[in-house]
Amino acid sequence: MNTEFLDALHDLEKEKGISVDILLDAIEAALLTAYKRNFGSVQNAKVTIDRDTGDFRVYSQRLVTDKVEDERMEISLEDARAINPNYSLGDVVETEVTPKNFGRIAAQTAKQVVVQRIREAERNIIYDEYVDREGDIITGVIQRIEQRNAYIELGKTEAVLAPSEQIPGENLYPGMRLKCYIVEVRKTTKGPQIMVSRTHPGLLKRLFELEVPELHEGVVELKSVSREAGSRSKIAVYSKDENVDPVGACVGPKGMRVQSIVNELNGEKIDIVKWDPDPSKFVANSLSPSKVVAVEIWEDEKVARVIVPDYQLSLAIGKEGQNARLAAKLSGWKIDIKSESQMKEIYPQYGETSDYYDEDSYDDYTEGYDDDLSDEYLDDNSGEPVDVEENIVDEEVPK
């Protein structure tokens, strides 16, 4: 070892961010292990490296004692004072025992230690960089797909997109660029493992924050998200500024903002509704695009009974109950959906005493049932309205 070796360590410090002192301490410990392994020494030993010249020395350490039981570990006071008159009982005498052929072993060991420390430092740097980004969004390129796991290249490292975190029906292939949500960063023996997701509701939230400046600036708040990846999602937004339309801000001019997110998620439908501090109004909004005539709520049980026009019942429930399910997740309320004809049988005056009553929706229902009936809810063969009564799941609500 010489000054060139120290210069190389200083260059590594600048390039990799690893302190020279840390490297030298590690090399000293490795050299000590190599010395004991190669020379079969059981005595106490110490390896030192001169920080100025790079020269190394091996010293044996023996304790000064009255009675010597092991000459490899102890030395008498008389012998110690023969070396230096200032020694006294309990002191440690250091004697240089550097082997003649230790230079080759030292060089090889130092190389291994430096390479190992560089790898550890790079892993720690990558871990520290990404551990603080949990819950954030990243963009990467799929490098390979093995056993349905997609490995996404992120520069110095890669992320793992597990099958359970992939959007159903999405066709992934090597070279594909996509955005993912960082779910977890694990520290393993092989380096940091970054787990990402395409199905997490947080991905939808981060995508809107990227596309909508008002969300990033805090003018518009994203209150809640409910998502069934690959099929449909709902978000609730709110603005304290009365002059700002939160829904319009997220939709964007001609729907450009929300459309770019839909394209990123391969056509996943997104409903944007207005959040309201009044739970009854928020529950009504969450069932969009269905019209709601009235809402009754029970605060203690977190249950809401929603009344919709008969022709809107299937729309409110959604395909396989999806719309109602997403609305319940979005609002945090258990929702029981009833049609007007059902409610009139058990509660004729529901419109006058409900927590939420939409007169416009009620007028639309009473004036033009057939006009508002969408072809989507007509039987393909007969052209008659589809009977959706069998799809209704009655839930017990407090009386």
Protein backbone atom coordinates (compact mmCIF):
# COMPACT_ATOMS: atom_id res chain seq x y z
CA MET A 1 0.00 0.00 0.00
CA ASN A 2 1.20 3.51 -0.76
CA THR A 3 0.03 7.03 -1.48
CA GLU A 4 -1.44 5.93 -4.83
CA PHE A 5 -3.75 3.64 -2.91
CA LEU A 6 -4.85 6.52 -0.68
CA ASP A 7 -5.39 8.71 -3.75
CA ALA A 8 -7.65 6.02 -5.19
CA LEU A 9 -9.65 5.92 -1.96
CA HIS A 10 -10.07 9.70 -2.06
CA ASP A 11 -11.35 9.44 -5.64
CA LEU A 12 -13.86 6.83 -4.51
CA GLU A 13 -14.98 9.15 -1.73
CA LYS A 14 -15.79 11.85 -4.27
CA GLU A 15 -17.46 9.49 -6.75
CA LYS A 16 -19.39 7.14 -4.47
CA GLY A 17 -19.78 9.28 -1.37
CA ILE A 18 -17.98 6.78 0.91
CA SER A 19 -15.72 8.26 3.57
CA VAL A 20 -12.01 7.33 3.34
CA ASP A 21 -11.90 6.74 7.09
CA ILE A 22 -14.76 4.25 6.82
CA LEU A 23 -12.93 2.39 4.06
CA LEU A 24 -9.64 2.32 5.97
CA ASP A 25 -11.31 1.09 9.16
CA ALA A 26 -12.94 -1.70 7.16
CA ILE A 27 -9.63 -2.62 5.51
CA GLU A 28 -7.89 -2.73 8.90
CA ALA A 29 -10.54 -5.10 10.26
CA ALA A 30 -10.31 -7.29 7.14
CA LEU A 31 -6.50 -7.41 7.30
CA LEU A 32 -6.66 -8.49 10.93
CA THR A 33 -8.97 -11.36 10.00
CA ALA A 34 -6.69 -12.31 7.09
CA TYR A 35 -3.62 -12.25 9.37
CA LYS A 36 -5.19 -14.60 11.92
CA ARG A 37 -6.49 -16.92 9.22
CA ASN A 38 -3.25 -17.17 7.22
CA PHE A 39 -0.76 -17.25 10.08
CA GLY A 40 -2.72 -19.25 12.60
CA SER A 41 -2.27 -16.68 15.32
CA VAL A 42 -4.46 -16.76 18.41
CA GLN A 43 -2.70 -13.84 20.06
CA ASN A 44 -4.22 -10.41 20.37
CA ALA A 45 -3.24 -8.44 17.30
CA LYS A 46 -3.91 -5.07 15.77
CA VAL A 47 -3.51 -3.78 12.20
CA THR A 48 -2.92 -0.10 11.55
CA ILE A 49 -2.74 1.81 8.28
CA ASP A 50 -0.90 5.13 8.18
CA ARG A 51 -3.35 7.77 6.93
CA ASP A 52 -0.54 9.79 5.31
CA THR A 53 1.66 7.16 3.65
CA GLY A 54 -0.67 4.17 3.31
CA ASP A 55 1.84 1.86 5.02
CA PHE A 56 0.42 -0.86 7.23
CA ARG A 57 1.76 -2.59 10.32
CA VAL A 58 0.68 -5.61 12.37
CA TYR A 59 1.20 -5.45 16.13
CA SER A 60 0.78 -8.11 18.80
CA GLN A 61 -0.80 -6.92 22.04
CA ARG A 62 0.20 -8.42 25.41
CA LEU A 63 -0.98 -7.50 28.87
CA VAL A 64 1.63 -6.58 31.53
CA THR A 65 1.11 -8.89 34.54
CA ASP A 66 2.92 -10.31 37.60
CA LYS A 67 2.46 -13.95 36.64
CA VAL A 68 2.63 -14.94 32.99
CA GLU A 69 0.38 -17.90 32.11
CA ASP A 70 0.32 -17.47 28.32
CA GLU A 71 3.27 -15.79 26.67
CA ARG A 72 1.24 -15.07 23.55
CA MET A 73 -1.26 -13.00 25.54
CA GLU A 74 0.78 -11.74 28.54
CA ILE A 75 4.21 -10.32 29.36
CA SER A 76 5.98 -9.89 32.67
CA LEU A 77 6.59 -6.44 34.13
CA GLU A 78 10.35 -7.00 33.92
CA ASP A 79 10.28 -7.87 30.20
CA ALA A 80 7.94 -4.98 29.50
CA ARG A 81 10.22 -2.46 31.23
CA ALA A 82 13.11 -3.84 29.23
CA ILE A 83 11.27 -2.56 26.20
CA ASN A 84 10.14 0.68 27.82
CA PRO A 85 10.79 1.68 31.45
CA ASN A 86 7.47 3.50 31.62
CA TYR A 87 5.33 0.34 31.46
CA SER A 88 3.42 -0.68 34.58
CA LEU A 89 1.00 -3.47 35.55
CA GLY A 90 -2.17 -3.50 33.48
CA ASP A 91 -0.61 -1.76 30.47
CA VAL A 92 -0.67 -3.26 26.98
CA VAL A 93 2.61 -3.80 25.19
CA GLU A 94 2.49 -3.59 21.40
CA THR A 95 5.17 -5.37 19.36
CA GLU A 96 5.35 -5.26 15.56
CA VAL A 97 4.93 -8.71 14.00
CA THR A 98 4.30 -7.78 10.37
CA PRO A 99 5.00 -10.90 8.21
CA LYS A 100 7.37 -10.50 5.27
CA ASN A 101 4.94 -11.83 2.68
CA PHE A 102 1.92 -10.04 4.09
CA GLY A 103 1.87 -7.39 1.32
CA ARG A 104 0.28 -9.66 -1.29
CA ILE A 105 -2.40 -10.82 1.16
CA ALA A 106 -3.01 -7.24 2.24
CA ALA A 107 -3.49 -6.02 -1.33
CA GLN A 108 -5.93 -8.81 -2.22
CA THR A 109 -7.93 -8.36 1.00
CA ALA A 110 -8.06 -4.58 0.58
CA LYS A 111 -9.46 -4.97 -2.93
CA GLN A 112 -12.22 -7.31 -1.75
CA VAL A 113 -13.17 -5.03 1.13
CA VAL A 114 -13.26 -1.91 -1.02
CA VAL A 115 -15.45 -3.59 -3.66
CA GLN A 116 -17.79 -4.90 -0.97
CA ARG A 117 -18.07 -1.52 0.74
CA ILE A 118 -18.77 0.19 -2.58
CA ARG A 119 -21.64 -2.21 -3.24
CA GLU A 120 -23.05 -1.71 0.24
CA ALA A 121 -22.78 2.06 -0.09
CA GLU A 122 -24.53 2.05 -3.47
CA ARG A 123 -27.32 -0.12 -2.06
CA ASN A 124 -27.74 2.20 0.90
CA ILE A 125 -27.81 5.24 -1.36
CA ILE A 126 -30.53 3.66 -3.52
CA TYR A 127 -32.50 2.58 -0.44
CA ASP A 128 -32.29 6.06 1.11
CA GLU A 129 -33.39 7.59 -2.19
CA TYR A 130 -36.51 5.47 -2.59
CA VAL A 131 -37.57 4.80 1.02
CA ASP A 132 -38.64 8.44 1.30
CA ARG A 133 -40.67 8.08 -1.89
CA GLU A 134 -43.08 5.47 -0.60
CA GLY A 135 -46.53 6.63 -1.64
CA ASP A 136 -45.13 8.52 -4.63
CA ILE A 137 -45.38 7.85 -8.36
CA ILE A 138 -42.52 6.80 -10.64
CA THR A 139 -42.09 6.23 -14.36
CA GLY A 140 -40.06 3.30 -15.66
CA VAL A 141 -39.58 0.90 -18.55
CA ILE A 142 -40.37 -2.81 -18.29
CA GLN A 143 -37.07 -4.63 -18.61
CA ARG A 144 -38.34 -8.21 -18.46
CA ILE A 145 -41.28 -10.35 -17.35
CA GLU A 146 -40.60 -13.49 -15.35
CA GLN A 147 -43.29 -15.73 -13.85
CA ARG A 148 -45.84 -12.94 -14.43
CA ASN A 149 -43.72 -10.52 -12.38
CA ALA A 150 -42.80 -7.40 -14.35
CA TYR A 151 -39.37 -5.92 -13.57
CA ILE A 152 -39.25 -2.18 -14.22
CA GLU A 153 -35.94 -0.44 -14.80
CA LEU A 154 -35.45 2.74 -12.77
CA GLY A 155 -31.89 3.64 -13.71
CA LYS A 156 -29.57 2.24 -11.02
CA THR A 157 -32.12 -0.22 -9.72
CA GLU A 158 -35.34 -1.97 -10.67
CA ALA A 159 -38.83 -2.28 -9.24
CA VAL A 160 -41.09 -5.32 -9.07
CA LEU A 161 -44.69 -5.20 -10.29
CA ALA A 162 -46.31 -8.34 -8.88
CA PRO A 163 -49.26 -10.03 -10.66
CA SER A 164 -51.64 -8.99 -7.86
CA GLU A 165 -50.67 -5.33 -8.44
CA GLN A 166 -51.23 -5.40 -12.21
CA ILE A 167 -54.38 -4.01 -13.81
CA PRO A 168 -56.58 -6.93 -14.96
CA GLY A 169 -56.49 -7.27 -18.74
CA GLU A 170 -53.53 -4.91 -19.19
CA ASN A 171 -51.05 -6.23 -21.75
CA LEU A 172 -47.52 -5.71 -20.44
CA TYR A 173 -44.45 -6.25 -22.60
CA PRO A 174 -40.69 -5.50 -22.41
CA GLY A 175 -39.88 -1.94 -23.43
CA MET A 176 -43.27 -0.62 -22.33
CA ARG A 177 -43.14 2.67 -20.41
CA LEU A 178 -45.64 3.08 -17.59
CA LYS A 179 -46.31 4.92 -14.34
CA CYS A 180 -46.48 3.01 -11.05
CA TYR A 181 -47.17 3.74 -7.40
CA ILE A 182 -44.42 2.87 -4.87
CA VAL A 183 -46.07 0.68 -2.25
CA GLU A 184 -43.05 -0.47 -0.23
CA VAL A 185 -39.24 -0.33 -0.22
CA ARG A 186 -37.64 -3.34 1.45
CA LYS A 187 -34.02 -3.69 2.59
CA THR A 188 -32.70 -7.13 1.63
CA THR A 189 -29.29 -8.82 1.51
CA LYS A 190 -29.27 -8.39 -2.27
CA GLY A 191 -30.04 -4.71 -2.06
CA PRO A 192 -33.24 -2.65 -1.86
CA GLN A 193 -36.39 -4.23 -3.30
CA ILE A 194 -38.95 -1.72 -4.57
CA MET A 195 -42.52 -3.00 -4.76
CA VAL A 196 -44.84 -1.00 -7.05
CA SER A 197 -48.51 -1.14 -7.97
CA ARG A 198 -50.84 -0.21 -10.82
CA THR A 199 -54.02 -1.01 -8.88
CA HIS A 200 -53.48 1.07 -5.73
CA PRO A 201 -55.95 3.98 -5.25
CA GLY A 202 -52.93 6.17 -4.51
CA LEU A 203 -51.87 5.90 -8.17
CA LEU A 204 -55.10 7.60 -9.24
CA LYS A 205 -54.59 10.34 -6.67
CA ARG A 206 -51.00 11.02 -7.78
CA LEU A 207 -51.98 11.04 -11.45
CA PHE A 208 -54.58 13.73 -10.79
CA GLU A 209 -52.03 15.75 -8.82
CA LEU A 210 -49.71 15.63 -11.83
CA GLU A 211 -52.42 16.66 -14.30
CA VAL A 212 -54.37 19.21 -12.22
CA PRO A 213 -52.36 22.26 -11.09
CA GLU A 214 -55.14 23.28 -8.69
CA LEU A 215 -54.63 20.05 -6.75
CA HIS A 216 -50.89 20.56 -6.56
CA GLU A 217 -51.33 24.16 -5.40
CA GLY A 218 -53.94 23.22 -2.79
CA VAL A 219 -56.78 25.23 -4.32
CA VAL A 220 -58.67 21.97 -4.89
CA GLU A 221 -58.56 19.11 -2.38
CA LEU A 222 -58.94 15.43 -3.26
CA LYS A 223 -60.95 14.13 -0.31
CA SER A 224 -61.35 10.44 -1.09
CA VAL A 225 -60.78 7.79 -3.74
CA SER A 226 -62.46 4.46 -4.42
CA ARG A 227 -61.21 2.24 -7.19
CA GLU A 228 -61.72 -1.09 -8.89
CA ALA A 229 -58.66 -1.15 -11.11
CA GLY A 230 -59.23 -1.68 -14.81
CA SER A 231 -62.96 -1.08 -14.57
CA ARG A 232 -64.16 2.04 -12.75
CA SER A 233 -63.07 4.60 -10.16
CA LYS A 234 -64.60 7.49 -8.24
CA ILE A 235 -62.93 10.52 -6.69
CA ALA A 236 -64.42 13.21 -4.46
CA VAL A 237 -62.99 16.73 -4.76
CA TYR A 238 -63.65 19.97 -2.90
CA SER A 239 -62.60 23.61 -3.01
CA LYS A 240 -62.88 26.24 -0.29
CA ASP A 241 -62.82 28.91 -2.98
CA GLU A 242 -66.39 29.43 -4.17
CA ASN A 243 -65.12 30.76 -7.48
CA VAL A 244 -63.38 27.47 -8.30
CA ASP A 245 -65.32 24.51 -9.64
CA PRO A 246 -63.40 21.47 -8.29
CA VAL A 247 -65.06 19.01 -10.66
CA GLY A 248 -64.43 21.22 -13.69
CA ALA A 249 -60.80 21.73 -12.69
CA CYS A 250 -60.23 17.95 -12.62
CA VAL A 251 -62.07 17.35 -15.86
CA GLY A 252 -60.11 20.08 -17.65
CA PRO A 253 -60.82 21.92 -20.92
CA LYS A 254 -62.83 19.57 -23.15
CA GLY A 255 -62.04 16.78 -20.69
CA MET A 256 -58.35 16.78 -21.59
CA ARG A 257 -57.04 16.36 -18.04
CA VAL A 258 -59.15 13.40 -17.05
CA GLN A 259 -58.79 11.85 -20.51
CA SER A 260 -55.01 11.71 -20.22
CA ILE A 261 -55.42 9.80 -16.94
CA VAL A 262 -57.97 7.46 -18.52
CA ASN A 263 -55.50 6.76 -21.32
CA GLU A 264 -52.72 6.04 -18.81
CA LEU A 265 -55.01 3.53 -17.08
CA ASN A 266 -56.08 1.88 -20.36
CA GLY A 267 -59.62 3.20 -20.52
CA GLU A 268 -60.59 2.88 -16.86
CA LYS A 269 -63.77 4.93 -16.31
CA ILE A 270 -63.45 7.72 -13.76
CA ASP A 271 -66.35 9.49 -12.02
CA ILE A 272 -65.51 12.87 -10.47
CA VAL A 273 -67.98 14.04 -7.84
CA LYS A 274 -68.15 17.02 -5.54
CA TRP A 275 -67.44 16.40 -1.88
CA ASP A 276 -69.86 17.99 0.58
CA PRO A 277 -69.57 18.39 4.37
CA ASP A 278 -73.24 17.36 4.58
CA PRO A 279 -73.09 13.53 4.51
CA SER A 280 -76.52 13.19 2.92
CA LYS A 281 -75.53 15.42 -0.03
CA PHE A 282 -72.17 13.69 -0.34
CA VAL A 283 -73.83 10.26 -0.46
CA ALA A 284 -76.17 11.55 -3.16
CA ASN A 285 -73.24 12.94 -5.16
CA SER A 286 -71.25 9.73 -4.77
CA LEU A 287 -73.90 7.75 -6.65
CA SER A 288 -73.29 9.83 -9.79
CA PRO A 289 -74.24 9.52 -12.64
CA SER A 290 -77.49 8.29 -11.11
CA LYS A 291 -80.08 10.88 -10.05
CA VAL A 292 -81.07 10.79 -6.39
CA VAL A 293 -84.46 11.97 -5.14
CA ALA A 294 -83.91 11.71 -1.39
CA VAL A 295 -81.44 10.49 1.23
CA GLU A 296 -82.10 9.44 4.80
CA ILE A 297 -79.15 8.92 7.13
CA TRP A 298 -78.47 7.31 10.51
CA GLU A 299 -75.37 8.90 11.98
CA ASP A 300 -74.65 6.33 14.68
CA GLU A 301 -74.81 3.32 12.37
CA LYS A 302 -73.24 5.15 9.39
CA VAL A 303 -76.14 3.94 7.26
CA ALA A 304 -77.76 5.91 4.43
CA ARG A 305 -81.00 5.03 2.64
CA VAL A 306 -81.06 6.46 -0.87
CA ILE A 307 -84.24 6.83 -2.91
CA VAL A 308 -83.92 6.99 -6.68
CA PRO A 309 -86.48 7.13 -9.52
CA ASP A 310 -87.54 3.70 -10.72
CA TYR A 311 -85.88 4.20 -14.11
CA GLN A 312 -82.59 5.13 -12.39
CA LEU A 313 -82.44 2.10 -10.09
CA SER A 314 -80.24 -0.08 -12.29
CA LEU A 315 -77.93 2.88 -12.96
CA ALA A 316 -77.62 3.63 -9.24
CA ILE A 317 -76.80 0.00 -8.44
CA GLY A 318 -74.50 -0.41 -11.42
CA LYS A 319 -73.31 -3.55 -13.14
CA GLU A 320 -73.02 -6.27 -10.50
CA GLY A 321 -73.52 -3.58 -7.86
CA GLN A 322 -70.33 -1.76 -8.83
CA ASN A 323 -71.64 1.82 -8.68
CA ALA A 324 -73.20 1.33 -5.25
CA ARG A 325 -70.09 -0.45 -4.00
CA LEU A 326 -67.74 2.32 -5.15
CA ALA A 327 -70.07 4.99 -3.73
CA ALA A 328 -70.04 3.25 -0.34
CA LYS A 329 -66.23 3.14 -0.34
CA LEU A 330 -65.99 6.74 -1.46
CA SER A 331 -68.39 8.14 1.14
CA GLY A 332 -67.62 5.74 3.98
CA TRP A 333 -71.34 5.06 4.46
CA LYS A 334 -73.28 1.84 4.10
CA ILE A 335 -75.81 2.61 1.36
CA ASP A 336 -79.23 1.03 0.96
CA ILE A 337 -80.75 1.92 -2.42
CA LYS A 338 -84.54 1.92 -2.87
CA SER A 339 -86.71 2.91 -5.80
CA GLU A 340 -89.59 5.34 -5.39
CA SER A 341 -92.22 2.69 -5.96
CA GLN A 342 -90.72 0.61 -3.17
CA MET A 343 -90.62 3.55 -0.79
CA LYS A 344 -94.16 4.66 -1.51
CA GLU A 345 -95.42 1.33 -0.26
CA ILE A 346 -93.74 1.63 3.13
CA TYR A 347 -93.24 5.39 3.59
CA PRO A 348 -95.55 7.63 1.52
CA GLN A 349 -94.17 10.92 2.90
CA TYR A 350 -90.46 10.17 2.52
CA GLY A 351 -89.81 13.24 0.33
CA GLU A 352 -90.91 15.69 2.99
CA THR A 353 -88.85 14.34 5.87
CA SER A 354 -85.69 13.10 4.20
CA ASP A 355 -82.30 14.61 4.99
CA TYR A 356 -81.76 15.30 1.30
CA TYR A 357 -84.54 15.92 -1.23
CA ASP A 358 -83.88 16.82 -4.87
CA GLU A 359 -87.04 18.43 -6.28
CA ASP A 360 -85.61 18.59 -9.80
CA SER A 361 -84.93 14.86 -9.89
CA TYR A 362 -88.42 14.20 -8.54
CA ASP A 363 -90.02 16.43 -11.19
CA ASP A 364 -87.99 14.72 -13.91
CA TYR A 365 -89.27 11.42 -12.71
CA THR A 366 -92.94 12.39 -12.50
CA GLU A 367 -93.05 14.32 -15.77
CA GLY A 368 -91.12 12.17 -18.20
CA TYR A 369 -90.38 8.61 -17.17
CA ASP A 370 -90.36 7.22 -20.73
CA ASP A 371 -88.42 10.19 -22.17
CA ASP A 372 -85.54 9.77 -19.74
CA LEU A 373 -85.32 6.00 -20.13
CA SER A 374 -81.96 5.18 -21.71
CA ASP A 375 -81.59 2.45 -24.33
CA GLU A 376 -78.88 1.03 -22.11
CA TYR A 377 -81.57 -0.17 -19.71
CA LEU A 378 -84.03 -1.61 -22.28
CA ASP A 379 -84.28 -5.27 -23.11
CA ASP A 380 -82.54 -5.94 -26.42
CA ASN A 381 -85.28 -8.26 -27.70
CA SER A 382 -88.53 -6.73 -26.46
CA GLY A 383 -87.50 -3.11 -26.09
CA GLU A 384 -89.26 -3.09 -22.72
CA PRO A 385 -87.64 -1.80 -19.50
CA VAL A 386 -85.47 -4.45 -17.85
CA ASP A 387 -86.77 -5.77 -14.53
CA VAL A 388 -84.01 -4.94 -12.03
CA GLU A 389 -85.92 -5.91 -8.90
CA GLU A 390 -83.98 -9.17 -8.67
CA ASN A 391 -80.71 -7.24 -8.47
CA ILE A 392 -81.76 -5.31 -5.39
CA VAL A 393 -80.21 -6.48 -2.12
CA ASP A 394 -82.27 -5.27 0.79
CA GLU A 395 -80.21 -4.40 3.84
CA GLU A 396 -81.60 -4.00 7.31
CA VAL A 397 -81.61 -0.39 8.40
CA PRO A 398 -82.70 1.12 11.70
CA LYS A 399 -86.38 1.96 11.92
